[in-house]
């Protein structure tokens, strides 16, 4: 199954256009007039639409960790160089090397020269 993406407002449309050119089903919050959604609402939309969130907002790691078993994936860019060309370069490496590991409950932290994947376990049902 191909990863579907939801780009947060901080992500350049050039990144979205690049993903689309690579064949990924990608929407930007701006595409749907959703530029004022809270982070929680963005998470809920991604969950509902089965999309991976692309963001620069570090709060999303905590949102996934506290999601009580509700699973969507988040790719968080922790980059000093936030130019679209650099973001595309780093995202391309992540998708090439670890695209298979991006699934619900996963946070991928993308840094300048590496990326880390953290999977949050399912919570036990009471």
PDB file of N, CA and C in Angstrom:
ATOM      1  N   UNK A   1       0.845  -1.176   0.000  1.00  0.00           N
ATOM      2  CA  UNK A   1       0.000   0.000   0.000  1.00  0.00           C
ATOM      3  C   UNK A   1       0.893   1.242   0.000  1.00  0.00           C
ATOM      4  N   UNK A   2       0.546   2.193  -0.811  1.00  0.00           N
ATOM      5  CA  UNK A   2       1.332   3.410  -0.929  1.00  0.00           C
ATOM      6  C   UNK A   2       0.963   4.386   0.180  1.00  0.00           C
ATOM      7  N   UNK A   3       1.974   4.997   0.744  1.00  0.00           N
ATOM      8  CA  UNK A   3       1.753   6.012   1.773  1.00  0.00           C
ATOM      9  C   UNK A   3       1.050   7.212   1.158  1.00  0.00           C
ATOM     10  N   UNK A   4       0.046   7.699   1.864  1.00  0.00           N
ATOM     11  CA  UNK A   4      -0.682   8.920   1.479  1.00  0.00           C
ATOM     12  C   UNK A   4      -0.295   9.997   2.482  1.00  0.00           C
ATOM     13  N   UNK A   5      -0.110  11.231   2.002  1.00  0.00           N
ATOM     14  CA  UNK A   5       0.403  12.284   2.860  1.00  0.00           C
ATOM     15  C   UNK A   5      -0.580  13.433   3.038  1.00  0.00           C
ATOM     16  N   UNK A   6      -0.478  14.077   4.211  1.00  0.00           N
ATOM     17  CA  UNK A   6      -1.173  15.315   4.539  1.00  0.00           C
ATOM     18  C   UNK A   6      -0.111  16.297   5.007  1.00  0.00           C
ATOM     19  N   UNK A   7       0.121  17.335   4.230  1.00  0.00           N
ATOM     20  CA  UNK A   7       1.164  18.314   4.552  1.00  0.00           C
ATOM     21  C   UNK A   7       0.596  19.442   5.401  1.00  0.00           C
ATOM     22  N   UNK A   8       1.265  19.703   6.499  1.00  0.00           N
ATOM     23  CA  UNK A   8       0.937  20.800   7.407  1.00  0.00           C
ATOM     24  C   UNK A   8       1.300  22.133   6.730  1.00  0.00           C
ATOM     25  N   UNK A   9       0.816  23.222   7.293  1.00  0.00           N
ATOM     26  CA  UNK A   9       1.004  24.537   6.691  1.00  0.00           C
ATOM     27  C   UNK A   9       2.473  24.931   6.530  1.00  0.00           C
ATOM     28  N   UNK A  10       3.360  24.459   7.376  1.00  0.00           N
ATOM     29  CA  UNK A  10       4.764  24.816   7.287  1.00  0.00           C
ATOM     30  C   UNK A  10       5.508  24.136   6.157  1.00  0.00           C
ATOM     31  N   UNK A  11       4.881  23.162   5.525  1.00  0.00           N
ATOM     32  CA  UNK A  11       5.524  22.409   4.443  1.00  0.00           C
ATOM     33  C   UNK A  11       5.250  23.120   3.119  1.00  0.00           C
ATOM     34  N   UNK A  12       6.307  23.355   2.371  1.00  0.00           N
ATOM     35  CA  UNK A  12       6.218  24.065   1.102  1.00  0.00           C
ATOM     36  C   UNK A  12       5.380  23.298   0.077  1.00  0.00           C
ATOM     37  N   UNK A  13       4.645  24.044  -0.735  1.00  0.00           N
ATOM     38  CA  UNK A  13       3.907  23.437  -1.840  1.00  0.00           C
ATOM     39  C   UNK A  13       4.861  22.769  -2.830  1.00  0.00           C
ATOM     40  N   UNK A  14       6.100  23.218  -2.897  1.00  0.00           N
ATOM     41  CA  UNK A  14       7.091  22.552  -3.775  1.00  0.00           C
ATOM     42  C   UNK A  14       7.321  21.115  -3.316  1.00  0.00           C
ATOM     43  N   UNK A  15       7.315  20.883  -2.008  1.00  0.00           N
ATOM     44  CA  UNK A  15       7.474  19.521  -1.483  1.00  0.00           C
ATOM     45  C   UNK A  15       6.252  18.688  -1.873  1.00  0.00           C
ATOM     46  N   UNK A  16       5.073  19.265  -1.721  1.00  0.00           N
ATOM     47  CA  UNK A  16       3.830  18.573  -2.088  1.00  0.00           C
ATOM     48  C   UNK A  16       3.832  18.246  -3.578  1.00  0.00           C
ATOM     49  N   UNK A  17       4.197  19.215  -4.405  1.00  0.00           N
ATOM     50  CA  UNK A  17       4.255  18.992  -5.853  1.00  0.00           C
ATOM     51  C   UNK A  17       5.245  17.889  -6.197  1.00  0.00           C
ATOM     52  N   UNK A  18       6.394  17.852  -5.514  1.00  0.00           N
ATOM     53  CA  UNK A  18       7.394  16.811  -5.753  1.00  0.00           C
ATOM     54  C   UNK A  18       6.810  15.434  -5.400  1.00  0.00           C
ATOM     55  N   UNK A  19       6.146  15.338  -4.245  1.00  0.00           N
ATOM     56  CA  UNK A  19       5.541  14.059  -3.850  1.00  0.00           C
ATOM     57  C   UNK A  19       4.518  13.605  -4.880  1.00  0.00           C
ATOM     58  N   UNK A  20       3.696  14.518  -5.324  1.00  0.00           N
ATOM     59  CA  UNK A  20       2.697  14.174  -6.349  1.00  0.00           C
ATOM     60  C   UNK A  20       3.373  13.680  -7.619  1.00  0.00           C
ATOM     61  N   UNK A  21       4.463  14.335  -8.023  1.00  0.00           N
ATOM     62  CA  UNK A  21       5.196  13.926  -9.221  1.00  0.00           C
ATOM     63  C   UNK A  21       5.798  12.533  -9.057  1.00  0.00           C
ATOM     64  N   UNK A  22       6.068  12.134  -7.809  1.00  0.00           N
ATOM     65  CA  UNK A  22       6.596  10.797  -7.526  1.00  0.00           C
ATOM     66  C   UNK A  22       5.485   9.755  -7.457  1.00  0.00           C
ATOM     67  N   UNK A  23       4.229  10.210  -7.582  1.00  0.00           N
ATOM     68  CA  UNK A  23       3.095   9.284  -7.578  1.00  0.00           C
ATOM     69  C   UNK A  23       2.387   9.139  -6.242  1.00  0.00           C
ATOM     70  N   UNK A  24       2.769   9.954  -5.256  1.00  0.00           N
ATOM     71  CA  UNK A  24       2.132   9.874  -3.941  1.00  0.00           C
ATOM     72  C   UNK A  24       0.853  10.704  -3.905  1.00  0.00           C
ATOM     73  N   UNK A  25      -0.175  10.136  -3.312  1.00  0.00           N
ATOM     74  CA  UNK A  25      -1.432  10.846  -3.071  1.00  0.00           C
ATOM     75  C   UNK A  25      -1.158  11.810  -1.913  1.00  0.00           C
ATOM     76  N   UNK A  26      -1.064  13.083  -2.224  1.00  0.00           N
ATOM     77  CA  UNK A  26      -0.660  14.083  -1.236  1.00  0.00           C
ATOM     78  C   UNK A  26      -1.584  15.291  -1.299  1.00  0.00           C
ATOM     79  N   UNK A  27      -2.039  15.717  -0.119  1.00  0.00           N
ATOM     80  CA  UNK A  27      -2.801  16.956  -0.049  1.00  0.00           C
ATOM     81  C   UNK A  27      -2.115  17.890   0.939  1.00  0.00           C
ATOM     82  N   UNK A  28      -2.308  19.164   0.726  1.00  0.00           N
ATOM     83  CA  UNK A  28      -1.801  20.191   1.627  1.00  0.00           C
ATOM     84  C   UNK A  28      -3.022  20.794   2.313  1.00  0.00           C
ATOM     85  N   UNK A  29      -2.898  21.145   3.575  1.00  0.00           N
ATOM     86  CA  UNK A  29      -4.027  21.751   4.281  1.00  0.00           C
ATOM     87  C   UNK A  29      -4.598  22.929   3.497  1.00  0.00           C
ATOM     88  N   UNK A  30      -3.720  23.671   2.846  1.00  0.00           N
ATOM     89  CA  UNK A  30      -4.140  24.836   2.057  1.00  0.00           C
ATOM     90  C   UNK A  30      -5.065  24.419   0.907  1.00  0.00           C
ATOM     91  N   UNK A  31      -4.828  23.211   0.330  1.00  0.00           N
ATOM     92  CA  UNK A  31      -5.652  22.724  -0.782  1.00  0.00           C
ATOM     93  C   UNK A  31      -7.127  22.675  -0.417  1.00  0.00           C
ATOM     94  N   UNK A  32      -7.393  22.378   0.834  1.00  0.00           N
ATOM     95  CA  UNK A  32      -8.768  22.167   1.282  1.00  0.00           C
ATOM     96  C   UNK A  32      -9.279  23.300   2.167  1.00  0.00           C
ATOM     97  N   UNK A  33      -8.534  24.407   2.201  1.00  0.00           N
ATOM     98  CA  UNK A  33      -8.958  25.542   3.005  1.00  0.00           C
ATOM     99  C   UNK A  33      -8.930  25.253   4.497  1.00  0.00           C
ATOM    100  N   UNK A  34      -8.024  24.396   4.918  1.00  0.00           N
ATOM    101  CA  UNK A  34      -7.954  23.962   6.321  1.00  0.00           C
ATOM    102  C   UNK A  34      -6.740  24.541   7.041  1.00  0.00           C
ATOM    103  N   UNK A  35      -6.320  25.726   6.645  1.00  0.00           N
ATOM    104  CA  UNK A  35      -5.089  26.301   7.177  1.00  0.00           C
ATOM    105  C   UNK A  35      -5.202  26.752   8.628  1.00  0.00           C
ATOM    106  N   UNK A  36      -6.383  26.705   9.213  1.00  0.00           N
ATOM    107  CA  UNK A  36      -6.533  27.141  10.604  1.00  0.00           C
ATOM    108  C   UNK A  36      -6.826  25.986  11.567  1.00  0.00           C
ATOM    109  N   UNK A  37      -6.658  24.765  11.121  1.00  0.00           N
ATOM    110  CA  UNK A  37      -6.898  23.620  12.006  1.00  0.00           C
ATOM    111  C   UNK A  37      -5.864  23.571  13.125  1.00  0.00           C
ATOM    112  N   UNK A  38      -6.298  23.146  14.298  1.00  0.00           N
ATOM    113  CA  UNK A  38      -5.352  22.910  15.396  1.00  0.00           C
ATOM    114  C   UNK A  38      -4.581  21.628  15.103  1.00  0.00           C
ATOM    115  N   UNK A  39      -3.484  21.419  15.812  1.00  0.00           N
ATOM    116  CA  UNK A  39      -2.702  20.199  15.619  1.00  0.00           C
ATOM    117  C   UNK A  39      -3.535  18.953  15.881  1.00  0.00           C
ATOM    118  N   UNK A  40      -4.372  19.008  16.910  1.00  0.00           N
ATOM    119  CA  UNK A  40      -5.241  17.868  17.209  1.00  0.00           C
ATOM    120  C   UNK A  40      -6.199  17.576  16.075  1.00  0.00           C
ATOM    121  N   UNK A  41      -6.740  18.621  15.465  1.00  0.00           N
ATOM    122  CA  UNK A  41      -7.653  18.442  14.332  1.00  0.00           C
ATOM    123  C   UNK A  41      -6.913  17.925  13.102  1.00  0.00           C
ATOM    124  N   UNK A  42      -5.675  18.358  12.911  1.00  0.00           N
ATOM    125  CA  UNK A  42      -4.861  17.851  11.804  1.00  0.00           C
ATOM    126  C   UNK A  42      -4.616  16.356  12.010  1.00  0.00           C
ATOM    127  N   UNK A  43      -4.264  15.969  13.232  1.00  0.00           N
ATOM    128  CA  UNK A  43      -4.049  14.554  13.548  1.00  0.00           C
ATOM    129  C   UNK A  43      -5.326  13.758  13.258  1.00  0.00           C
ATOM    130  N   UNK A  44      -6.476  14.268  13.710  1.00  0.00           N
ATOM    131  CA  UNK A  44      -7.753  13.574  13.484  1.00  0.00           C
ATOM    132  C   UNK A  44      -8.054  13.428  12.000  1.00  0.00           C
ATOM    133  N   UNK A  45      -7.784  14.474  11.216  1.00  0.00           N
ATOM    134  CA  UNK A  45      -8.021  14.404   9.771  1.00  0.00           C
ATOM    135  C   UNK A  45      -7.113  13.363   9.129  1.00  0.00           C
ATOM    136  N   UNK A  46      -5.854  13.357   9.514  1.00  0.00           N
ATOM    137  CA  UNK A  46      -4.924  12.363   8.971  1.00  0.00           C
ATOM    138  C   UNK A  46      -5.380  10.949   9.329  1.00  0.00           C
ATOM    139  N   UNK A  47      -5.824  10.779  10.542  1.00  0.00           N
ATOM    140  CA  UNK A  47      -6.318   9.482  10.996  1.00  0.00           C
ATOM    141  C   UNK A  47      -7.541   9.064  10.184  1.00  0.00           C
ATOM    142  N   UNK A  48      -8.487   9.964  10.052  1.00  0.00           N
ATOM    143  CA  UNK A  48      -9.730   9.691   9.318  1.00  0.00           C
ATOM    144  C   UNK A  48      -9.453   9.364   7.851  1.00  0.00           C
ATOM    145  N   UNK A  49      -8.514  10.087   7.245  1.00  0.00           N
ATOM    146  CA  UNK A  49      -8.219   9.929   5.818  1.00  0.00           C
ATOM    147  C   UNK A  49      -7.089   8.946   5.540  1.00  0.00           C
ATOM    148  N   UNK A  50      -6.553   8.301   6.585  1.00  0.00           N
ATOM    149  CA  UNK A  50      -5.447   7.347   6.458  1.00  0.00           C
ATOM    150  C   UNK A  50      -4.253   7.990   5.746  1.00  0.00           C
ATOM    151  N   UNK A  51      -3.787   9.106   6.315  1.00  0.00           N
ATOM    152  CA  UNK A  51      -2.654   9.827   5.739  1.00  0.00           C
ATOM    153  C   UNK A  51      -1.544  10.002   6.774  1.00  0.00           C
ATOM    154  N   UNK A  52      -0.343  10.115   6.293  1.00  0.00           N
ATOM    155  CA  UNK A  52       0.828  10.406   7.107  1.00  0.00           C
ATOM    156  C   UNK A  52       1.025  11.914   7.129  1.00  0.00           C
ATOM    157  N   UNK A  53       1.155  12.482   8.314  1.00  0.00           N
ATOM    158  CA  UNK A  53       1.340  13.927   8.459  1.00  0.00           C
ATOM    159  C   UNK A  53       2.795  14.287   8.167  1.00  0.00           C
ATOM    160  N   UNK A  54       2.984  15.327   7.357  1.00  0.00           N
ATOM    161  CA  UNK A  54       4.298  15.924   7.125  1.00  0.00           C
ATOM    162  C   UNK A  54       4.298  17.266   7.837  1.00  0.00           C
ATOM    163  N   UNK A  55       5.267  17.497   8.725  1.00  0.00           N
ATOM    164  CA  UNK A  55       5.229  18.717   9.524  1.00  0.00           C
ATOM    165  C   UNK A  55       6.609  19.108  10.027  1.00  0.00           C
ATOM    166  N   UNK A  56       6.728  20.365  10.403  1.00  0.00           N
ATOM    167  CA  UNK A  56       7.905  20.859  11.118  1.00  0.00           C
ATOM    168  C   UNK A  56       7.578  21.022  12.600  1.00  0.00           C
ATOM    169  N   UNK A  57       6.337  20.796  12.970  1.00  0.00           N
ATOM    170  CA  UNK A  57       5.844  21.033  14.331  1.00  0.00           C
ATOM    171  C   UNK A  57       6.180  19.850  15.239  1.00  0.00           C
ATOM    172  N   UNK A  58       7.075  20.078  16.191  1.00  0.00           N
ATOM    173  CA  UNK A  58       7.542  19.003  17.075  1.00  0.00           C
ATOM    174  C   UNK A  58       6.447  18.470  17.989  1.00  0.00           C
ATOM    175  N   UNK A  59       5.353  19.199  18.152  1.00  0.00           N
ATOM    176  CA  UNK A  59       4.258  18.736  19.008  1.00  0.00           C
ATOM    177  C   UNK A  59       3.631  17.435  18.502  1.00  0.00           C
ATOM    178  N   UNK A  60       3.766  17.133  17.227  1.00  0.00           N
ATOM    179  CA  UNK A  60       3.110  15.949  16.690  1.00  0.00           C
ATOM    180  C   UNK A  60       3.658  14.649  17.247  1.00  0.00           C
ATOM    181  N   UNK A  61       4.923  14.615  17.618  1.00  0.00           N
ATOM    182  CA  UNK A  61       5.470  13.419  18.257  1.00  0.00           C
ATOM    183  C   UNK A  61       4.732  13.108  19.546  1.00  0.00           C
ATOM    184  N   UNK A  62       4.483  14.141  20.331  1.00  0.00           N
ATOM    185  CA  UNK A  62       3.744  13.970  21.581  1.00  0.00           C
ATOM    186  C   UNK A  62       2.291  13.588  21.317  1.00  0.00           C
ATOM    187  N   UNK A  63       1.695  14.166  20.291  1.00  0.00           N
ATOM    188  CA  UNK A  63       0.309  13.836  19.956  1.00  0.00           C
ATOM    189  C   UNK A  63       0.191  12.350  19.634  1.00  0.00           C
ATOM    190  N   UNK A  64       1.124  11.816  18.854  1.00  0.00           N
ATOM    191  CA  UNK A  64       1.094  10.385  18.534  1.00  0.00           C
ATOM    192  C   UNK A  64       1.298   9.563  19.801  1.00  0.00           C
ATOM    193  N   UNK A  65       2.255   9.966  20.633  1.00  0.00           N
ATOM    194  CA  UNK A  65       2.543   9.213  21.861  1.00  0.00           C
ATOM    195  C   UNK A  65       1.334   9.168  22.794  1.00  0.00           C
ATOM    196  N   UNK A  66       0.531  10.221  22.784  1.00  0.00           N
ATOM    197  CA  UNK A  66      -0.620  10.299  23.682  1.00  0.00           C
ATOM    198  C   UNK A  66      -1.939   9.991  22.984  1.00  0.00           C
ATOM    199  N   UNK A  67      -1.883   9.340  21.846  1.00  0.00           N
ATOM    200  CA  UNK A  67      -3.086   9.150  21.025  1.00  0.00           C
ATOM    201  C   UNK A  67      -3.957   7.982  21.460  1.00  0.00           C
ATOM    202  N   UNK A  68      -3.576   7.307  22.532  1.00  0.00           N
ATOM    203  CA  UNK A  68      -4.389   6.221  23.086  1.00  0.00           C
ATOM    204  C   UNK A  68      -4.714   5.148  22.053  1.00  0.00           C
ATOM    205  N   UNK A  69      -3.704   4.738  21.301  1.00  0.00           N
ATOM    206  CA  UNK A  69      -3.873   3.646  20.360  1.00  0.00           C
ATOM    207  C   UNK A  69      -4.449   4.050  19.014  1.00  0.00           C
ATOM    208  N   UNK A  70      -4.822   5.322  18.852  1.00  0.00           N
ATOM    209  CA  UNK A  70      -5.299   5.792  17.551  1.00  0.00           C
ATOM    210  C   UNK A  70      -4.061   6.005  16.690  1.00  0.00           C
ATOM    211  N   UNK A  71      -3.983   5.333  15.571  1.00  0.00           N
ATOM    212  CA  UNK A  71      -2.728   5.254  14.841  1.00  0.00           C
ATOM    213  C   UNK A  71      -2.714   6.002  13.514  1.00  0.00           C
ATOM    214  N   UNK A  72      -1.813   6.921  13.405  1.00  0.00           N
ATOM    215  CA  UNK A  72      -1.409   7.479  12.123  1.00  0.00           C
ATOM    216  C   UNK A  72       0.085   7.747  12.235  1.00  0.00           C
ATOM    217  N   UNK A  73       0.736   7.923  11.113  1.00  0.00           N
ATOM    218  CA  UNK A  73       2.175   8.176  11.120  1.00  0.00           C
ATOM    219  C   UNK A  73       2.431   9.668  10.941  1.00  0.00           C
ATOM    220  N   UNK A  74       3.582  10.093  11.448  1.00  0.00           N
ATOM    221  CA  UNK A  74       3.988  11.495  11.341  1.00  0.00           C
ATOM    222  C   UNK A  74       5.459  11.536  10.939  1.00  0.00           C
ATOM    223  N   UNK A  75       5.756  12.374   9.967  1.00  0.00           N
ATOM    224  CA  UNK A  75       7.142  12.667   9.604  1.00  0.00           C
ATOM    225  C   UNK A  75       7.401  14.096  10.039  1.00  0.00           C
ATOM    226  N   UNK A  76       8.313  14.252  11.006  1.00  0.00           N
ATOM    227  CA  UNK A  76       8.640  15.558  11.568  1.00  0.00           C
ATOM    228  C   UNK A  76      10.016  15.978  11.060  1.00  0.00           C
ATOM    229  N   UNK A  77      10.051  17.114  10.396  1.00  0.00           N
ATOM    230  CA  UNK A  77      11.320  17.644   9.902  1.00  0.00           C
ATOM    231  C   UNK A  77      11.963  18.485  10.992  1.00  0.00           C
ATOM    232  N   UNK A  78      13.161  18.069  11.391  1.00  0.00           N
ATOM    233  CA  UNK A  78      13.951  18.808  12.385  1.00  0.00           C
ATOM    234  C   UNK A  78      15.207  19.310  11.686  1.00  0.00           C
ATOM    235  N   UNK A  79      14.998  20.205  10.757  1.00  0.00           N
ATOM    236  CA  UNK A  79      16.060  20.664   9.873  1.00  0.00           C
ATOM    237  C   UNK A  79      16.396  22.126  10.123  1.00  0.00           C
ATOM    238  N   UNK A  80      17.688  22.433  10.076  1.00  0.00           N
ATOM    239  CA  UNK A  80      18.112  23.834  10.127  1.00  0.00           C
ATOM    240  C   UNK A  80      17.885  24.477   8.766  1.00  0.00           C
ATOM    241  N   UNK A  81      18.169  23.719   7.716  1.00  0.00           N
ATOM    242  CA  UNK A  81      17.973  24.179   6.343  1.00  0.00           C
ATOM    243  C   UNK A  81      16.569  23.752   5.918  1.00  0.00           C
ATOM    244  N   UNK A  82      15.636  24.705   5.903  1.00  0.00           N
ATOM    245  CA  UNK A  82      14.243  24.373   5.609  1.00  0.00           C
ATOM    246  C   UNK A  82      13.837  24.708   4.171  1.00  0.00           C
ATOM    247  N   UNK A  83      14.834  25.003   3.337  1.00  0.00           N
ATOM    248  CA  UNK A  83      14.521  25.246   1.927  1.00  0.00           C
ATOM    249  C   UNK A  83      13.865  24.006   1.329  1.00  0.00           C
ATOM    250  N   UNK A  84      12.907  24.227   0.445  1.00  0.00           N
ATOM    251  CA  UNK A  84      12.167  23.111  -0.145  1.00  0.00           C
ATOM    252  C   UNK A  84      13.096  22.082  -0.782  1.00  0.00           C
ATOM    253  N   UNK A  85      14.134  22.536  -1.456  1.00  0.00           N
ATOM    254  CA  UNK A  85      15.046  21.594  -2.115  1.00  0.00           C
ATOM    255  C   UNK A  85      15.711  20.665  -1.105  1.00  0.00           C
ATOM    256  N   UNK A  86      16.072  21.188   0.050  1.00  0.00           N
ATOM    257  CA  UNK A  86      16.706  20.356   1.082  1.00  0.00           C
ATOM    258  C   UNK A  86      15.683  19.416   1.721  1.00  0.00           C
ATOM    259  N   UNK A  87      14.487  19.916   1.978  1.00  0.00           N
ATOM    260  CA  UNK A  87      13.431  19.065   2.539  1.00  0.00           C
ATOM    261  C   UNK A  87      13.154  17.911   1.579  1.00  0.00           C
ATOM    262  N   UNK A  88      13.064  18.191   0.294  1.00  0.00           N
ATOM    263  CA  UNK A  88      12.836  17.140  -0.702  1.00  0.00           C
ATOM    264  C   UNK A  88      13.974  16.136  -0.696  1.00  0.00           C
ATOM    265  N   UNK A  89      15.200  16.620  -0.635  1.00  0.00           N
ATOM    266  CA  UNK A  89      16.371  15.734  -0.601  1.00  0.00           C
ATOM    267  C   UNK A  89      16.302  14.786   0.602  1.00  0.00           C
ATOM    268  N   UNK A  90      16.000  15.329   1.769  1.00  0.00           N
ATOM    269  CA  UNK A  90      15.931  14.508   2.988  1.00  0.00           C
ATOM    270  C   UNK A  90      14.722  13.564   2.953  1.00  0.00           C
ATOM    271  N   UNK A  91      13.574  14.048   2.478  1.00  0.00           N
ATOM    272  CA  UNK A  91      12.387  13.209   2.393  1.00  0.00           C
ATOM    273  C   UNK A  91      12.591  12.076   1.396  1.00  0.00           C
ATOM    274  N   UNK A  92      13.249  12.366   0.301  1.00  0.00           N
ATOM    275  CA  UNK A  92      13.555  11.339  -0.692  1.00  0.00           C
ATOM    276  C   UNK A  92      14.386  10.223  -0.065  1.00  0.00           C
ATOM    277  N   UNK A  93      15.379  10.599   0.737  1.00  0.00           N
ATOM    278  CA  UNK A  93      16.212   9.595   1.409  1.00  0.00           C
ATOM    279  C   UNK A  93      15.386   8.766   2.392  1.00  0.00           C
ATOM    280  N   UNK A  94      14.520   9.417   3.139  1.00  0.00           N
ATOM    281  CA  UNK A  94      13.676   8.701   4.105  1.00  0.00           C
ATOM    282  C   UNK A  94      12.782   7.696   3.387  1.00  0.00           C
ATOM    283  N   UNK A  95      12.119   8.135   2.335  1.00  0.00           N
ATOM    284  CA  UNK A  95      11.204   7.250   1.617  1.00  0.00           C
ATOM    285  C   UNK A  95      11.949   6.096   0.956  1.00  0.00           C
ATOM    286  N   UNK A  96      13.139   6.376   0.442  1.00  0.00           N
ATOM    287  CA  UNK A  96      13.947   5.345  -0.197  1.00  0.00           C
ATOM    288  C   UNK A  96      14.450   4.310   0.807  1.00  0.00           C
ATOM    289  N   UNK A  97      14.945   4.791   1.942  1.00  0.00           N
ATOM    290  CA  UNK A  97      15.564   3.902   2.925  1.00  0.00           C
ATOM    291  C   UNK A  97      14.564   3.281   3.898  1.00  0.00           C
ATOM    292  N   UNK A  98      13.493   4.002   4.231  1.00  0.00           N
ATOM    293  CA  UNK A  98      12.615   3.549   5.311  1.00  0.00           C
ATOM    294  C   UNK A  98      11.127   3.670   5.004  1.00  0.00           C
ATOM    295  N   UNK A  99      10.779   3.891   3.751  1.00  0.00           N
ATOM    296  CA  UNK A  99       9.377   4.050   3.397  1.00  0.00           C
ATOM    297  C   UNK A  99       8.511   2.892   3.850  1.00  0.00           C
ATOM    298  N   UNK A 100       9.076   1.682   3.826  1.00  0.00           N
ATOM    299  CA  UNK A 100       8.346   0.480   4.245  1.00  0.00           C
ATOM    300  C   UNK A 100       7.993   0.498   5.733  1.00  0.00           C
ATOM    301  N   UNK A 101       8.712   1.290   6.528  1.00  0.00           N
ATOM    302  CA  UNK A 101       8.509   1.310   7.982  1.00  0.00           C
ATOM    303  C   UNK A 101       7.531   2.389   8.427  1.00  0.00           C
ATOM    304  N   UNK A 102       7.056   3.195   7.492  1.00  0.00           N
ATOM    305  CA  UNK A 102       6.129   4.268   7.847  1.00  0.00           C
ATOM    306  C   UNK A 102       4.730   3.679   7.919  1.00  0.00           C
ATOM    307  N   UNK A 103       4.218   3.619   9.135  1.00  0.00           N
ATOM    308  CA  UNK A 103       2.888   3.051   9.373  1.00  0.00           C
ATOM    309  C   UNK A 103       2.295   3.736  10.589  1.00  0.00           C
ATOM    310  N   UNK A 104       1.042   3.453  10.845  1.00  0.00           N
ATOM    311  CA  UNK A 104       0.358   4.058  11.978  1.00  0.00           C
ATOM    312  C   UNK A 104       1.127   3.876  13.268  1.00  0.00           C
ATOM    313  N   UNK A 105       1.167   4.932  14.059  1.00  0.00           N
ATOM    314  CA  UNK A 105       1.864   4.881  15.334  1.00  0.00           C
ATOM    315  C   UNK A 105       3.353   5.106  15.229  1.00  0.00           C
ATOM    316  N   UNK A 106       3.814   5.540  14.062  1.00  0.00           N
ATOM    317  CA  UNK A 106       5.234   5.765  13.832  1.00  0.00           C
ATOM    318  C   UNK A 106       5.509   7.261  13.718  1.00  0.00           C
ATOM    319  N   UNK A 107       6.578   7.701  14.375  1.00  0.00           N
ATOM    320  CA  UNK A 107       7.063   9.063  14.194  1.00  0.00           C
ATOM    321  C   UNK A 107       8.458   8.957  13.594  1.00  0.00           C
ATOM    322  N   UNK A 108       8.647   9.620  12.458  1.00  0.00           N
ATOM    323  CA  UNK A 108       9.950   9.657  11.801  1.00  0.00           C
ATOM    324  C   UNK A 108      10.494  11.068  11.993  1.00  0.00           C
ATOM    325  N   UNK A 109      11.609  11.174  12.701  1.00  0.00           N
ATOM    326  CA  UNK A 109      12.269  12.462  12.904  1.00  0.00           C
ATOM    327  C   UNK A 109      13.356  12.591  11.841  1.00  0.00           C
ATOM    328  N   UNK A 110      13.206  13.578  10.976  1.00  0.00           N
ATOM    329  CA  UNK A 110      14.141  13.782   9.874  1.00  0.00           C
ATOM    330  C   UNK A 110      15.090  14.907  10.250  1.00  0.00           C
ATOM    331  N   UNK A 111      16.378  14.554  10.341  1.00  0.00           N
ATOM    332  CA  UNK A 111      17.406  15.523  10.698  1.00  0.00           C
ATOM    333  C   UNK A 111      18.306  15.767   9.497  1.00  0.00           C
ATOM    334  N   UNK A 112      19.310  16.608   9.672  1.00  0.00           N
ATOM    335  CA  UNK A 112      20.176  17.007   8.565  1.00  0.00           C
ATOM    336  C   UNK A 112      20.858  15.833   7.860  1.00  0.00           C
ATOM    337  N   UNK A 113      21.358  14.884   8.617  1.00  0.00           N
ATOM    338  CA  UNK A 113      22.121  13.810   7.984  1.00  0.00           C
ATOM    339  C   UNK A 113      21.630  12.411   8.345  1.00  0.00           C
ATOM    340  N   UNK A 114      20.508  12.339   9.057  1.00  0.00           N
ATOM    341  CA  UNK A 114      19.969  11.027   9.416  1.00  0.00           C
ATOM    342  C   UNK A 114      18.484  11.176   9.722  1.00  0.00           C
ATOM    343  N   UNK A 115      17.841  10.030   9.888  1.00  0.00           N
ATOM    344  CA  UNK A 115      16.468  10.045  10.369  1.00  0.00           C
ATOM    345  C   UNK A 115      16.297   8.899  11.358  1.00  0.00           C
ATOM    346  N   UNK A 116      15.392   9.115  12.288  1.00  0.00           N
ATOM    347  CA  UNK A 116      15.119   8.117  13.323  1.00  0.00           C
ATOM    348  C   UNK A 116      13.647   7.749  13.268  1.00  0.00           C
ATOM    349  N   UNK A 117      13.366   6.485  13.482  1.00  0.00           N
ATOM    350  CA  UNK A 117      11.991   6.000  13.465  1.00  0.00           C
ATOM    351  C   UNK A 117      11.634   5.517  14.857  1.00  0.00           C
ATOM    352  N   UNK A 118      10.532   6.015  15.351  1.00  0.00           N
ATOM    353  CA  UNK A 118      10.056   5.564  16.656  1.00  0.00           C
ATOM    354  C   UNK A 118       8.635   5.048  16.489  1.00  0.00           C
ATOM    355  N   UNK A 119       8.422   3.824  16.885  1.00  0.00           N
ATOM    356  CA  UNK A 119       7.099   3.214  16.810  1.00  0.00           C
ATOM    357  C   UNK A 119       6.510   3.153  18.212  1.00  0.00           C
ATOM    358  N   UNK A 120       5.295   3.640  18.334  1.00  0.00           N
ATOM    359  CA  UNK A 120       4.613   3.592  19.612  1.00  0.00           C
ATOM    360  C   UNK A 120       3.757   2.341  19.649  1.00  0.00           C
ATOM    361  N   UNK A 121       3.857   1.582  20.719  1.00  0.00           N
ATOM    362  CA  UNK A 121       3.113   0.310  20.798  1.00  0.00           C
ATOM    363  C   UNK A 121       1.616   0.557  20.951  1.00  0.00           C
ATOM    364  N   UNK A 122       0.847  -0.444  20.550  1.00  0.00           N
ATOM    365  CA  UNK A 122      -0.592  -0.396  20.790  1.00  0.00           C
ATOM    366  C   UNK A 122      -0.835  -0.418  22.271  1.00  0.00           C
ATOM    367  N   UNK A 123      -1.826   0.320  22.701  1.00  0.00           N
ATOM    368  CA  UNK A 123      -2.184   0.297  24.119  1.00  0.00           C
ATOM    369  C   UNK A 123      -3.050  -0.915  24.386  1.00  0.00           C
ATOM    370  N   UNK A 124      -2.880  -1.533  25.539  1.00  0.00           N
ATOM    371  CA  UNK A 124      -3.727  -2.680  25.864  1.00  0.00           C
ATOM    372  C   UNK A 124      -5.173  -2.231  26.047  1.00  0.00           C
ATOM    373  N   UNK A 125      -6.085  -3.082  25.616  1.00  0.00           N
ATOM    374  CA  UNK A 125      -7.496  -2.777  25.769  1.00  0.00           C
ATOM    375  C   UNK A 125      -7.961  -3.193  27.160  1.00  0.00           C
ATOM    376  N   UNK A 126      -8.752  -2.364  27.763  1.00  0.00           N
ATOM    377  CA  UNK A 126      -9.258  -2.643  29.106  1.00  0.00           C
ATOM    378  C   UNK A 126     -10.541  -3.436  29.011  1.00  0.00           C
TER     379      UNK A 126
END
